[in-house]
Protein backbone atom coordinates (compact mmCIF):
# COMPACT_ATOMS: atom_id res chain seq x y z
CA MET A 1 102.81 68.92 28.52
CA SER A 2 100.62 66.66 26.42
CA SER A 3 103.71 65.01 24.89
CA ASP A 4 104.95 64.11 28.40
CA LYS A 5 101.58 62.52 29.21
CA ASP A 6 101.64 60.57 25.95
CA CYS A 7 105.15 59.36 26.72
CA LEU A 8 104.20 58.19 30.22
CA HIS A 9 101.08 56.50 28.88
CA PHE A 10 103.17 54.70 26.25
CA ILE A 11 105.69 53.50 28.86
CA ARG A 12 102.93 52.27 31.15
CA SER A 13 101.13 50.46 28.34
CA ARG A 14 104.30 48.80 27.05
CA THR A 15 105.30 47.71 30.57
CA GLN A 16 101.88 46.21 31.25
CA GLU A 17 101.89 44.50 27.87
CA LYS A 18 105.32 42.96 28.40
CA LEU A 19 104.40 41.74 31.89
CA GLU A 20 101.18 40.16 30.66
CA LEU A 21 103.03 38.52 27.78
CA CYS A 22 105.74 37.23 30.13
CA PHE A 23 103.25 35.65 32.52
CA TYR A 24 101.19 34.30 29.62
CA ARG A 25 104.22 32.50 28.22
CA TYR A 26 105.12 31.28 31.70
CA GLY A 27 101.59 29.87 32.09
CA ILE A 28 101.84 28.12 28.73
CA LEU A 29 105.18 26.64 29.75
CA VAL A 30 103.84 25.34 33.08
CA ALA A 31 100.74 23.90 31.39
CA SER A 32 102.92 22.19 28.79
CA TYR A 33 105.19 20.50 31.36
CA PRO A 34 103.09 20.21 34.54
CA TRP A 35 104.90 17.28 36.16
CA THR A 36 108.28 18.88 35.56
CA PHE A 37 107.25 22.02 37.44
CA ILE A 38 105.49 20.05 40.20
CA ILE A 39 108.61 17.97 40.83
CA PHE A 40 110.83 21.07 40.57
CA SER A 41 108.68 22.89 43.16
CA LEU A 42 108.81 19.98 45.58
CA VAL A 43 112.58 19.60 45.14
CA LEU A 44 113.12 23.35 45.61
CA THR A 45 111.00 23.30 48.77
CA SER A 46 112.96 20.31 50.08
CA VAL A 47 116.27 22.07 49.43
CA CYS A 48 115.10 25.27 51.14
CA SER A 49 113.71 23.32 54.07
CA MET A 50 117.22 22.03 54.79
CA GLY A 51 117.88 25.50 56.15
CA LEU A 52 115.50 24.72 59.02
CA LEU A 53 118.38 22.78 60.56
CA ASN A 54 119.71 26.26 61.41
CA PHE A 55 116.30 27.49 62.59
CA ARG A 56 116.39 29.87 65.55
CA GLN A 57 113.44 31.63 67.11
CA GLU A 58 114.35 34.96 68.68
CA LYS A 59 112.51 35.78 71.93
CA ASN A 60 114.66 38.59 73.29
CA PRO A 61 112.62 41.82 72.98
CA MET A 62 115.82 43.88 72.75
CA ASN A 63 116.78 42.08 69.54
CA LEU A 64 113.24 42.07 68.15
CA TRP A 65 111.92 45.57 68.74
CA ILE A 66 114.88 47.87 69.53
CA PRO A 67 117.27 49.21 66.84
CA PRO A 68 120.68 47.61 67.44
CA ASP A 69 122.51 50.96 67.27
CA SER A 70 120.16 52.86 69.61
CA HIS A 71 121.34 54.51 72.83
CA PHE A 72 118.66 52.64 74.75
CA LYS A 73 120.03 49.23 73.74
CA ARG A 74 123.59 50.28 74.43
CA ASP A 75 122.73 51.59 77.90
CA THR A 76 120.58 48.56 78.71
CA ASP A 77 123.32 46.13 77.68
CA TRP A 78 125.81 48.03 79.84
CA PHE A 79 123.45 47.98 82.81
CA MET A 80 122.79 44.25 82.59
CA LYS A 81 126.48 43.47 82.15
CA ASN A 82 127.75 45.63 85.02
CA ILE A 83 124.88 45.88 87.52
CA ARG A 84 123.55 42.38 86.83
CA LEU A 85 120.90 42.44 89.54
CA GLY A 86 117.32 43.64 89.45
CA TYR A 87 113.85 42.74 90.61
CA ARG A 88 110.39 42.20 89.20
CA ILE A 89 107.38 43.62 91.01
CA GLN A 90 104.28 41.57 91.82
CA THR A 91 101.40 43.80 92.86
CA VAL A 92 98.11 43.41 94.71
CA MET A 93 95.72 46.36 94.91
CA VAL A 94 92.84 46.48 97.37
CA THR A 95 90.04 48.99 96.82
CA ALA A 96 87.30 49.96 99.26
CA PRO A 97 85.41 53.08 100.36
CA ASP A 98 88.18 53.43 102.98
CA VAL A 99 91.11 51.02 102.96
CA LEU A 100 92.51 52.43 106.21
CA GLU A 101 90.16 50.26 108.23
CA PRO A 102 91.12 47.32 110.49
CA ALA A 103 88.99 44.88 108.48
CA VAL A 104 90.88 45.75 105.28
CA MET A 105 94.25 45.34 106.98
CA GLN A 106 93.20 41.96 108.33
CA GLN A 107 92.07 40.87 104.87
CA LEU A 108 95.34 42.12 103.38
CA LEU A 109 97.28 40.07 105.94
CA GLN A 110 95.41 36.93 104.89
CA ILE A 111 96.28 37.63 101.25
CA ARG A 112 99.90 38.29 102.15
CA ASN A 113 100.20 35.04 104.08
CA ARG A 114 98.76 33.04 101.19
CA VAL A 115 101.13 34.71 98.72
CA VAL A 116 104.34 34.09 100.69
CA GLN A 117 103.27 30.50 101.39
CA SER A 118 102.47 29.73 97.74
CA THR A 119 104.68 27.20 95.96
CA LEU A 120 104.85 25.65 92.51
CA GLN A 121 107.25 22.91 91.41
CA ASN A 122 108.93 23.19 94.84
CA VAL A 123 109.81 26.86 94.22
CA THR A 124 108.99 29.00 97.25
CA TRP A 125 108.93 32.73 97.93
CA GLU A 126 112.18 32.47 99.91
CA ASP A 127 113.87 30.90 96.86
CA VAL A 128 113.14 33.78 94.49
CA CYS A 129 112.67 36.91 96.63
CA PHE A 130 114.92 39.93 96.17
CA ARG A 131 116.96 40.08 99.35
CA VAL A 132 118.14 43.33 100.95
CA PRO A 133 120.23 44.03 104.08
CA VAL A 134 118.15 44.23 107.25
CA VAL A 135 119.09 47.09 109.55
CA GLN A 136 118.04 46.35 113.12
CA LEU A 137 116.62 49.61 114.46
CA ASN A 138 114.17 50.44 117.19
CA THR A 139 111.60 52.11 114.96
CA ARG A 140 108.56 51.66 117.18
CA LYS A 141 106.95 54.82 118.53
CA LYS A 142 104.58 55.04 121.43
CA ARG A 143 101.46 57.03 120.69
CA SER A 144 100.65 59.04 123.80
CA SER A 145 97.17 60.02 122.72
CA ASN A 146 94.91 60.11 119.71
CA ASN A 147 94.87 63.89 119.69
CA GLU A 148 98.67 64.05 119.47
CA LEU A 149 98.43 62.81 115.90
CA PHE A 150 96.44 65.80 114.80
CA GLU A 151 97.69 68.56 117.10
CA GLY A 152 101.32 68.09 118.09
CA ASN A 153 104.68 67.06 116.75
CA GLU A 154 106.47 64.39 118.75
CA TYR A 155 109.80 65.63 117.48
CA GLU A 156 109.45 69.23 118.62
CA ASP A 157 111.95 68.72 121.45
CA VAL A 158 114.65 67.41 119.10
CA ASP A 159 117.36 69.80 117.98
CA ASP A 160 116.47 70.45 114.32
CA ASP A 161 120.02 71.00 113.06
CA ARG A 162 121.39 67.87 114.73
CA TYR A 163 118.41 65.82 113.54
CA ASN A 164 118.76 66.99 109.92
CA ILE A 165 122.48 66.18 109.89
CA LEU A 166 121.84 62.63 111.06
CA TYR A 167 118.82 62.18 108.82
CA ASN A 168 120.68 63.29 105.69
CA PHE A 169 123.78 61.22 106.47
CA GLU A 170 124.43 58.88 103.55
CA PRO A 171 127.09 56.29 104.44
CA SER A 172 127.43 54.98 100.87
CA VAL A 173 128.70 58.43 99.86
CA VAL A 174 130.68 59.42 102.96
CA LEU A 175 132.41 56.14 103.82
CA PRO A 176 135.09 54.48 101.64
CA SER A 177 133.68 51.75 99.42
CA ALA A 178 135.59 48.94 101.13
CA ILE A 179 134.36 49.94 104.59
CA PHE A 180 130.78 50.48 103.45
CA CYS A 181 130.62 47.16 101.58
CA SER A 182 132.07 45.26 104.54
CA ILE A 183 129.44 46.80 106.81
CA VAL A 184 126.59 45.96 104.45
CA SER A 185 127.80 42.40 103.88
CA SER A 186 127.78 41.81 107.64
CA PHE A 187 124.04 42.46 107.83
CA SER A 188 121.51 39.68 107.62
CA THR A 189 119.16 39.83 104.65
CA GLY A 190 115.41 39.69 104.28
CA CYS A 191 112.90 39.42 101.47
CA TYR A 192 111.91 42.78 100.04
CA GLU A 193 108.21 43.49 100.40
CA HIS A 194 106.47 46.85 100.40
CA SER A 195 103.22 46.99 102.33
CA LEU A 196 101.45 48.91 105.07
CA LEU A 197 101.51 45.69 107.07
CA GLU A 198 105.19 46.40 107.77
CA PHE A 199 104.02 48.86 110.44
CA TRP A 200 103.18 45.88 112.63
CA SER A 201 105.86 43.50 111.27
CA TYR A 202 103.12 41.26 109.85
CA ASN A 203 102.21 40.28 113.42
CA GLU A 204 98.77 38.70 113.30
CA GLU A 205 97.88 39.45 116.93
CA GLU A 206 98.70 43.14 116.56
CA ILE A 207 96.82 43.46 113.29
CA GLU A 208 93.77 41.69 114.69
CA SER A 209 93.60 44.25 117.53
CA LEU A 210 94.09 47.35 115.38
CA THR A 211 91.86 50.40 115.52
CA LYS A 212 91.34 53.09 112.92
CA GLU A 213 93.43 55.51 115.00
CA ASP A 214 96.30 53.02 115.17
CA ILE A 215 96.40 52.74 111.39
CA ILE A 216 96.30 56.50 110.81
CA PHE A 217 98.97 57.16 113.42
CA ALA A 218 101.33 54.54 111.98
CA LEU A 219 100.82 55.79 108.42
CA ASN A 220 101.55 59.42 109.26
CA HIS A 221 104.51 58.75 111.57
CA THR A 222 106.40 55.82 110.03
CA THR A 223 109.17 56.51 107.52
CA ILE A 224 111.52 53.64 108.42
CA SER A 225 110.43 50.06 107.78
CA PRO A 226 110.14 48.18 111.10
CA VAL A 227 110.92 44.97 109.18
CA LEU A 228 113.89 46.00 107.03
CA GLY A 229 115.10 49.16 108.76
CA LEU A 230 115.13 51.00 105.42
CA SER A 231 113.64 54.37 104.54
CA MET A 232 110.24 53.91 102.89
CA HIS A 233 107.59 56.16 101.40
CA TYR A 234 104.39 54.43 102.43
CA THR A 235 102.07 57.15 101.14
CA GLN A 236 103.06 56.08 97.60
CA LEU A 237 101.12 52.87 98.20
CA LEU A 238 97.83 54.76 98.61
CA GLY A 239 95.36 56.09 96.08
CA GLY A 240 92.38 58.39 96.51
CA VAL A 241 93.98 59.92 99.60
CA LYS A 242 91.92 62.19 101.85
CA ARG A 243 93.52 64.59 104.34
CA ASN A 244 92.16 66.69 107.15
CA ALA A 245 92.73 70.41 107.62
CA SER A 246 96.16 69.73 109.14
CA GLY A 247 97.29 67.73 106.10
CA VAL A 248 97.12 64.40 107.92
CA ILE A 249 96.00 61.40 105.85
CA VAL A 250 92.73 60.13 107.30
CA ALA A 251 91.34 57.93 104.49
CA ALA A 252 92.15 56.37 101.11
CA SER A 253 90.25 54.41 98.50
CA SER A 254 93.01 52.02 97.39
CA LEU A 255 96.30 50.59 98.58
CA LEU A 256 99.07 48.49 97.08
CA SER A 257 101.16 45.63 98.39
CA GLN A 258 104.23 44.61 96.42
CA TRP A 259 106.59 41.63 96.36
CA MET A 260 109.96 41.89 94.61
CA VAL A 261 111.30 38.83 92.77
CA HIS A 262 115.06 38.61 92.28
CA VAL A 263 116.55 38.74 88.76
CA ASN A 264 120.15 37.89 87.92
CA PHE A 265 120.60 39.25 84.41
CA SER A 266 123.67 37.10 83.77
CA ALA A 267 121.58 33.96 84.40
CA VAL A 268 118.64 34.94 82.19
CA ASP A 269 117.92 32.55 79.31
CA MET A 270 115.34 34.17 77.04
CA ASP A 271 114.94 30.93 75.09
CA LEU A 272 113.63 29.42 78.33
CA VAL A 273 111.62 32.28 79.87
CA GLY A 274 110.72 34.26 76.74
CA ASN A 275 107.48 33.93 74.81
CA ASP A 276 106.68 33.54 71.13
CA GLY A 277 105.49 37.14 70.93
CA GLY A 278 108.83 38.54 72.04
CA THR A 279 107.17 40.61 74.77
CA ALA A 280 108.55 38.89 77.89
CA ASP A 281 110.76 40.77 80.32
CA TRP A 282 114.02 39.47 81.77
CA ALA A 283 113.53 36.82 84.42
CA THR A 284 115.01 33.59 85.70
CA GLY A 285 113.29 30.24 85.35
CA GLN A 286 112.48 29.91 89.04
CA GLY A 287 111.18 33.47 89.16
CA MET A 288 108.75 32.78 86.33
CA ILE A 289 107.55 29.63 88.07
CA TRP A 290 106.84 31.47 91.32
CA GLU A 291 105.10 34.30 89.47
CA GLN A 292 102.75 31.71 88.00
CA SER A 293 102.19 30.43 91.54
CA PHE A 294 101.40 34.01 92.59
CA LEU A 295 98.84 34.31 89.79
CA ASN A 296 97.26 30.98 90.72
CA THR A 297 97.02 32.02 94.36
CA MET A 298 95.49 35.39 93.61
CA GLU A 299 93.00 33.82 91.21
CA ASN A 300 91.82 31.61 94.07
CA VAL A 301 91.70 34.60 96.42
CA THR A 302 89.60 36.74 94.10
CA SER A 303 87.24 33.90 93.21
CA SER A 304 86.36 33.41 96.88
CA LEU A 305 86.29 37.11 97.77
CA ASP A 306 83.30 38.46 99.69
CA HIS A 307 82.14 41.65 97.93
CA SER A 308 79.47 42.46 100.50
CA ASN A 309 81.66 45.16 102.08
CA ALA A 310 82.43 46.82 98.69
CA THR A 311 86.03 45.59 98.84
CA ASP A 312 87.73 44.47 95.65
CA VAL A 313 91.13 42.90 95.01
CA LEU A 314 93.12 43.33 91.80
CA TYR A 315 96.50 41.81 91.04
CA GLU A 316 99.30 41.81 88.49
CA ALA A 317 102.48 39.81 88.09
CA SER A 318 105.47 41.03 86.13
CA ARG A 319 104.88 38.24 83.65
CA SER A 320 101.25 39.27 83.06
CA PHE A 321 101.96 41.68 80.20
CA GLY A 322 104.09 39.15 78.34
CA ASP A 323 101.52 36.38 78.79
CA ILE A 324 98.58 38.50 77.64
CA SER A 325 100.35 40.19 74.72
CA SER A 326 101.78 36.91 73.44
CA ALA A 327 98.36 35.26 73.61
CA ALA A 328 96.84 38.20 71.74
CA MET A 329 99.42 37.90 68.96
CA PHE A 330 98.73 34.22 68.39
CA GLN A 331 94.98 34.14 68.87
CA ASP A 332 94.55 34.38 65.06
CA ILE A 333 95.28 30.69 64.45
CA LEU A 334 91.54 30.03 64.22
CA LYS A 335 91.24 32.86 61.69
CA ILE A 336 93.92 31.23 59.56
CA ALA A 337 92.01 27.94 59.59
CA CYS A 338 88.76 29.69 58.67
CA GLY A 339 90.56 31.65 55.97
CA VAL A 340 91.96 28.48 54.42
CA PHE A 341 88.52 26.87 54.42
CA LEU A 342 86.81 29.92 52.87
CA THR A 343 89.56 30.23 50.27
CA PHE A 344 89.15 26.56 49.39
CA ILE A 345 85.39 27.02 48.89
CA PHE A 346 85.99 30.16 46.81
CA VAL A 347 88.49 28.42 44.53
CA LEU A 348 86.10 25.48 44.09
CA LEU A 349 83.28 27.81 43.06
CA VAL A 350 85.48 29.66 40.57
CA LEU A 351 87.20 26.68 38.94
CA SER A 352 84.59 23.96 39.14
CA LYS A 353 81.53 23.05 37.20
CA PHE A 354 78.70 21.70 39.33
CA THR A 355 79.04 18.10 38.26
CA CYS A 356 80.59 15.14 40.00
CA LEU A 357 83.20 14.77 37.26
CA GLU A 358 84.24 18.41 36.81
CA ILE A 359 84.55 19.58 40.39
CA ARG A 360 88.12 20.83 40.92
CA ILE A 361 88.93 19.54 44.42
CA ILE A 362 92.51 18.48 43.65
CA PRO A 363 93.55 21.75 41.88
CA ALA A 364 91.98 23.80 44.67
CA GLY A 365 93.74 21.76 47.37
CA ALA A 366 97.03 21.86 45.49
CA GLY A 367 96.77 25.63 45.15
CA LEU A 368 96.34 26.07 48.90
CA ALA A 369 99.14 23.59 49.54
CA CYS A 370 101.40 26.02 47.71
CA VAL A 371 100.84 28.47 50.58
CA GLY A 372 102.33 25.97 53.02
CA LEU A 373 105.19 25.13 50.64
CA ALA A 374 105.99 28.82 50.19
CA PHE A 375 106.00 29.40 53.97
CA ILE A 376 108.32 26.44 54.58
CA SER A 377 110.63 27.57 51.76
CA ALA A 378 110.79 31.13 53.09
CA CYS A 379 111.53 30.04 56.66
CA GLY A 380 114.15 27.53 55.53
CA PHE A 381 115.88 29.97 53.18
CA CYS A 382 116.03 32.72 55.83
CA SER A 383 117.27 30.26 58.47
CA ALA A 384 120.05 29.17 56.11
CA LEU A 385 121.11 32.82 55.85
CA GLY A 386 121.17 33.12 59.66
CA ILE A 387 118.03 35.26 59.90
CA PHE A 388 116.07 34.47 63.06
CA TYR A 389 112.35 33.75 63.19
CA GLY A 390 110.28 36.35 65.02
CA PRO A 391 106.63 37.12 65.76
CA VAL A 392 106.34 39.34 62.67
CA HIS A 393 106.81 36.28 60.46
CA THR A 394 103.48 34.87 61.67
CA SER A 395 101.77 37.29 59.27
CA LEU A 396 103.40 35.56 56.29
CA PRO A 397 100.68 32.87 55.86
CA PHE A 398 98.04 35.63 55.59
CA LEU A 399 100.06 37.43 52.91
CA LEU A 400 100.70 34.23 50.97
CA MET A 401 97.05 33.29 51.16
CA GLY A 402 96.01 36.66 49.75
CA ILE A 403 98.50 36.37 46.89
CA GLY A 404 97.42 32.78 46.28
CA VAL A 405 93.77 33.77 45.89
CA ASP A 406 94.72 36.37 43.29
CA ASP A 407 96.80 33.81 41.41
């Protein structure tokens, strides 16, 4: 056992000795021919930097963060190639002690009107909205009395079996594809929004005259959008729901309104809409512009909001995560500058003597310049090999600076 330890100690000592001797001789060689090595370093950096002609920054998160042979990437690529269409959700959340109040609905209508009227660089909501077929149905119900909401069922006189058959009828499954597609293509289209304001078709006069009972009745009896004619689950827009003994929703502490922005995956250019952090989602250029308009509008709305009635408004665009995460990744630029300055001071203190003649400003500056030369050489060499530049490479200056201080 002791012989094994002695052998390992001998190997470690000899290795360390050879490495120290190698670097000692290398240091002697550099000190003996300084200008030769300076010129050689500059020439080598210049040669490597030629690879920057092939520089490519990758912004597609699928290529940056997902293994190329994963099932997720394969399925996502298939979806985008064959389905090609999708949407991005822009969300506004209103919170209050009870959001099912006429005043909240009226405030939500004002927000909605400002959002759909917002423009930036001549891009409007109608230009980017996700359009769906509009089915013209008579979905309005007459409320006979307030008590009917809590006591009776307005569909009690309908034959249950016949109603269930019609309700569960799915034409996309039953009808041949050609017939179904021709029917759908004949419909007019409308912008896809999801909001409780659909109950009144965004009609300002109706919403201004609402009562609490009107809101509760509409919420508990509406399953088909009066605007689009599509089946909707409006209770999913509510949070902090309160029900009475009969299970009827009578109050809620938050509600959502959503706007869907159209995405054509075949037209997405990640070099245009992506960010340096590689965290952006798929979007078109116009969609990203309107989402910024949405953020600008909601910032103005929240800045002028009256909080006297305990109402608060929160918002999120689909681009918000990418914007925030990218900014967080690159907020260390100031730290790099401070690190370079502190390293420069440290090297001066170590190398210099405190006289005007023997202060080592040039060697200290040249040493830190090597960090920049090494970074340029690495990026150029990798670009020449066809390796893309990604957000992970931004950590390279920190690593080089740490190694440079040790050297």
